Protein backbone atom coordinates (compact mmCIF):
# COMPACT_ATOMS: atom_id res chain seq x y z
CA MET A 1 -0.13 -0.06 0.22
CA LYS A 2 1.38 3.73 -0.35
CA GLY A 3 3.15 5.43 2.06
CA ARG A 4 3.45 2.17 4.02
CA ASP A 5 6.26 0.82 4.72
CA SER A 6 6.13 -3.35 4.98
CA GLU A 7 8.65 -6.09 6.85
CA TYR A 8 9.59 -9.12 4.35
CA LYS A 9 11.63 -11.63 6.70
CA GLU A 10 10.30 -14.92 6.74
CA ILE A 11 10.51 -14.39 2.90
CA LEU A 12 13.71 -14.04 3.05
CA PRO A 13 15.99 -16.72 3.06
CA TYR A 14 13.48 -17.95 -0.21
CA VAL A 15 14.46 -14.70 -2.56
CA ARG A 16 16.45 -15.65 -5.71
CA MET A 17 16.92 -12.90 -7.80
CA ILE A 18 16.92 -9.29 -6.70
CA ASP A 19 17.39 -6.81 -9.79
CA LEU A 20 17.26 -2.66 -8.93
CA SER A 21 19.41 -1.29 -11.90
CA SER A 22 19.56 2.18 -13.06
CA ASN A 23 17.39 3.48 -10.71
CA ASN A 24 19.66 6.12 -8.96
CA LEU A 25 20.61 4.50 -5.95
CA SER A 26 23.86 5.99 -3.46
CA GLY A 27 25.42 5.55 -0.72
CA SER A 28 27.20 2.34 0.25
CA ILE A 29 26.10 -1.43 -0.41
CA PRO A 30 24.35 -2.79 3.30
CA VAL A 31 25.95 -5.40 4.79
CA GLU A 32 22.63 -6.73 4.74
CA ILE A 33 22.22 -8.07 0.95
CA PHE A 34 25.02 -9.52 1.45
CA SER A 35 23.28 -12.32 4.20
CA LEU A 36 20.99 -13.31 1.62
CA SER A 37 23.28 -16.77 1.49
CA GLY A 38 20.35 -18.41 -0.61
CA LEU A 39 20.21 -15.81 -3.76
CA GLN A 40 21.54 -16.15 -7.00
CA SER A 41 21.76 -13.34 -8.99
CA LEU A 42 22.16 -10.01 -7.85
CA ASN A 43 22.11 -6.45 -9.99
CA LEU A 44 23.28 -3.21 -8.71
CA SER A 45 24.68 -2.07 -12.52
CA ASP A 46 24.13 1.63 -13.31
CA ASN A 47 23.73 3.67 -10.01
CA HIS A 48 25.61 6.17 -8.01
CA LEU A 49 26.39 3.32 -4.64
CA MET A 50 29.63 3.99 -3.34
CA GLY A 51 32.37 2.63 -0.85
CA ILE A 52 33.55 -1.09 -0.64
CA ILE A 53 32.60 -4.58 -1.92
CA SER A 54 31.77 -6.33 1.90
CA VAL A 55 34.14 -9.22 2.67
CA GLU A 56 30.49 -10.43 3.70
CA ILE A 57 29.81 -11.16 -0.06
CA GLY A 58 31.79 -14.63 0.30
CA GLY A 59 28.88 -16.47 2.02
CA MET A 60 26.49 -16.27 -1.36
CA GLU A 61 28.04 -19.36 -1.70
CA TYR A 62 24.90 -19.77 -4.67
CA LEU A 63 25.41 -17.01 -6.48
CA GLU A 64 25.54 -17.64 -10.17
CA SER A 65 24.77 -14.10 -11.91
CA LEU A 66 26.54 -10.45 -9.89
CA ASP A 67 26.49 -6.90 -11.97
CA LEU A 68 27.94 -4.11 -9.82
CA SER A 69 28.58 -2.24 -12.67
CA ARG A 70 28.87 1.62 -13.27
CA ASN A 71 28.86 2.81 -9.67
CA ASN A 72 31.81 4.35 -7.89
CA LEU A 73 33.13 0.99 -5.63
CA SER A 74 35.96 2.19 -4.84
CA GLY A 75 39.09 -0.33 -2.65
CA GLU A 76 39.77 -4.02 -3.33
CA ILE A 77 37.88 -6.46 -4.26
CA PRO A 78 37.59 -9.11 -1.69
CA GLN A 79 39.46 -12.29 -1.53
CA THR A 80 35.96 -13.79 -0.27
CA MET A 81 34.72 -13.63 -3.99
CA ALA A 82 37.16 -16.74 -4.89
CA ASN A 83 34.98 -18.29 -2.62
CA LEU A 84 31.83 -18.32 -5.01
CA THR A 85 32.41 -20.71 -6.97
CA LEU A 86 29.22 -20.79 -8.86
CA LEU A 87 29.88 -17.31 -10.19
CA HIS A 88 30.10 -17.55 -13.57
CA ASN A 89 28.50 -14.07 -14.89
CA LEU A 90 30.13 -11.08 -13.00
CA ASN A 91 30.45 -8.02 -14.43
CA LEU A 92 32.41 -4.47 -12.18
CA SER A 93 33.48 -2.96 -14.74
CA TYR A 94 33.47 0.78 -14.48
CA ASN A 95 34.15 1.99 -11.62
CA ASN A 96 36.93 2.95 -8.49
CA LEU A 97 38.23 -0.83 -7.60
CA SER A 98 42.19 -1.42 -7.28
CA GLY A 99 44.31 -3.76 -6.25
CA ARG A 100 45.09 -6.85 -7.63
CA ILE A 101 42.05 -9.56 -8.91
CA PRO A 102 41.20 -12.19 -6.44
CA SER A 103 42.44 -15.37 -7.09
CA GLY A 104 40.08 -18.22 -7.81
CA THR A 105 39.58 -20.64 -10.04
CA GLN A 106 35.91 -19.52 -11.42
CA ILE A 107 37.39 -15.86 -11.82
CA GLN A 108 40.46 -16.42 -14.19
CA THR A 109 38.52 -17.92 -16.48
CA LEU A 110 36.26 -15.09 -16.95
CA SER A 111 36.37 -12.24 -19.52
CA PRO A 112 38.77 -9.62 -18.85
CA LEU A 113 35.66 -6.84 -20.03
CA SER A 114 34.42 -8.34 -16.28
CA PHE A 115 37.24 -5.95 -15.06
CA PHE A 116 36.96 -3.01 -17.71
CA GLY A 117 37.06 0.61 -16.58
CA ASN A 118 38.35 0.28 -13.14
CA ALA A 119 42.64 1.96 -14.16
CA LYS A 120 44.63 0.82 -10.77
CA LEU A 121 42.88 -3.22 -11.24
CA CYS A 122 45.80 -5.70 -11.66
CA GLY A 123 46.00 -9.49 -12.01
CA ASP A 124 44.37 -12.13 -14.53
CA PRO A 125 42.98 -12.56 -16.66
CA LEU A 126 44.14 -8.75 -17.15
CA PRO A 127 46.69 -8.37 -18.82
CA LYS A 128 48.43 -5.54 -16.39
CA ASN A 129 50.44 -7.17 -13.95
CA CYS A 130 50.31 -5.79 -10.67
CA PRO A 131 53.36 -3.70 -9.62
CA GLU A 132 55.00 -7.22 -7.04
CA ASP A 133 54.72 -9.18 -10.02
CA GLU A 134 56.90 -6.77 -12.30
CA GLU A 135 59.05 -6.22 -9.30
CA ALA A 136 59.84 -9.73 -8.92
CA GLU A 137 60.47 -10.46 -13.11
CA THR A 138 62.99 -7.75 -12.70
CA ARG A 139 65.11 -9.06 -9.43
CA ARG A 140 64.89 -12.41 -11.69
CA PRO A 141 68.50 -12.97 -12.28
CA THR A 142 69.29 -13.10 -16.38
CA GLY A 143 69.20 -17.06 -17.49
CA VAL A 144 68.12 -18.91 -14.87
CA GLY A 145 64.81 -20.43 -17.05
CA LYS A 146 67.63 -22.04 -19.10
CA ASN A 147 69.34 -23.24 -15.93
CA ARG A 148 66.41 -24.36 -15.14
CA GLU A 149 65.88 -26.43 -18.37
CA PHE A 150 69.62 -28.07 -18.20
CA PRO A 151 69.82 -30.46 -15.61
CA GLU A 152 66.45 -31.94 -17.54
CA ILE A 153 68.87 -32.15 -20.83
CA ALA A 154 71.48 -33.21 -18.90
CA TRP A 155 69.72 -35.99 -17.16
CA PHE A 156 68.14 -36.84 -20.66
CA TYR A 157 71.22 -37.94 -21.95
CA VAL A 158 72.92 -39.71 -18.58
CA GLY A 159 70.05 -42.19 -19.22
CA MET A 160 70.09 -42.25 -22.55
CA GLY A 161 74.01 -43.39 -22.27
CA SER A 162 73.88 -45.53 -19.53
CA GLY A 163 71.13 -47.18 -21.48
CA PHE A 164 73.47 -47.86 -24.24
CA PHE A 165 76.56 -48.67 -22.52
CA VAL A 166 74.42 -51.02 -20.13
CA GLY A 167 73.14 -52.24 -23.26
CA LEU A 168 76.41 -52.54 -24.53
CA TRP A 169 78.01 -54.52 -22.39
CA GLY A 170 74.69 -57.06 -21.64
CA VAL A 171 74.96 -58.36 -25.11
CA CYS A 172 78.85 -58.42 -25.23
CA GLY A 173 78.67 -60.31 -21.39
CA CYS A 174 76.46 -63.01 -23.16
CA LEU A 175 78.85 -63.92 -25.88
CA PHE A 176 81.32 -64.29 -23.62
CA PHE A 177 80.34 -66.57 -21.27
CA ASN A 178 78.09 -68.33 -23.27
CA LYS A 179 80.03 -70.81 -26.13
CA ALA A 180 77.43 -71.62 -28.43
CA TRP A 181 75.61 -68.23 -28.28
CA ARG A 182 78.82 -66.61 -29.53
CA HIS A 183 79.28 -70.12 -31.93
CA ALA A 184 75.65 -68.99 -33.67
CA TYR A 185 76.88 -64.99 -33.32
CA PHE A 186 79.74 -65.34 -35.65
CA GLN A 187 78.29 -67.77 -37.52
CA TYR A 188 75.09 -65.38 -38.36
CA LEU A 189 77.99 -62.67 -39.30
CA ASP A 190 79.53 -65.11 -41.42
CA ASN A 191 76.07 -65.86 -43.39
CA ILE A 192 75.59 -62.04 -43.86
CA LYS A 193 79.04 -61.21 -45.04
CA ASP A 194 78.48 -64.58 -47.51
CA SER A 195 75.10 -63.25 -48.88
CA ALA A 196 76.27 -59.84 -48.97
CA TYR A 197 79.80 -60.72 -51.17
CA VAL A 198 77.44 -62.83 -53.60
CA VAL A 199 74.95 -59.92 -54.04
CA ILE A 200 77.78 -57.84 -54.49
CA ALA A 201 79.21 -60.41 -57.17
CA ILE A 202 76.15 -60.68 -59.08
CA LYS A 203 75.71 -56.59 -59.37
CA LEU A 204 79.06 -56.29 -60.58
CA LYS A 205 79.07 -59.19 -63.04
CA TRP A 206 75.13 -57.49 -64.32
CA LEU A 207 76.90 -54.13 -64.79
CA PHE A 208 79.72 -55.00 -66.41
CA GLN A 209 77.24 -57.27 -68.82
CA LYS A 210 75.49 -53.59 -69.36
CA LEU A 211 79.08 -51.62 -70.11
CA GLY A 212 79.90 -54.88 -72.47
CA ILE A 213 76.64 -54.37 -74.51
CA TYR A 214 76.95 -50.48 -74.43
CA ASN A 215 80.37 -50.82 -75.41
CA ALA A 216 79.42 -53.58 -78.44
CA GLY A 217 76.90 -51.03 -79.61
């Protein structure tokens, strides 16, 4: 009824979606709204909201869609947002947020456009590195990456060489200690030699015959 304030405390646990976008709302986001743990979609975009995003947002475990874009929110994105494992639609663009984007599997897979328009935000999925990351990169000694790969290459060749020698000595050892195997092995080599000799002799005879025909012509 017009002019009457009503309370709906009993049905709040059953609220699944709130859309108050484009309503010229101002002030900070009420912390109580983040206590609606059953909420699946929250849209407060295109208002004049200020202040920070409360850490209490991490308790909205069923939240799938969150749109706080086009406001005047400031401060860092709370790390507790990494707890929102069901979140697949996020838009925090065009605010005054700063700092590193929280590390969370579902957050790093989102589009960079979700954070666009916040000049002081850094970290994945944005292409902008955070200052501490750039300092760590600067302090890293030259050639660290190459040195890290060297042991792997070295061990590869060591393993290959040791395998070759083990196999070679295994064959030689069998031939040395087993007379029957040694006899069979050298007999096999003799057969190969004889076969090669016969093949070469036939080829040479055929070649000479061809040359003789050409010369006669």
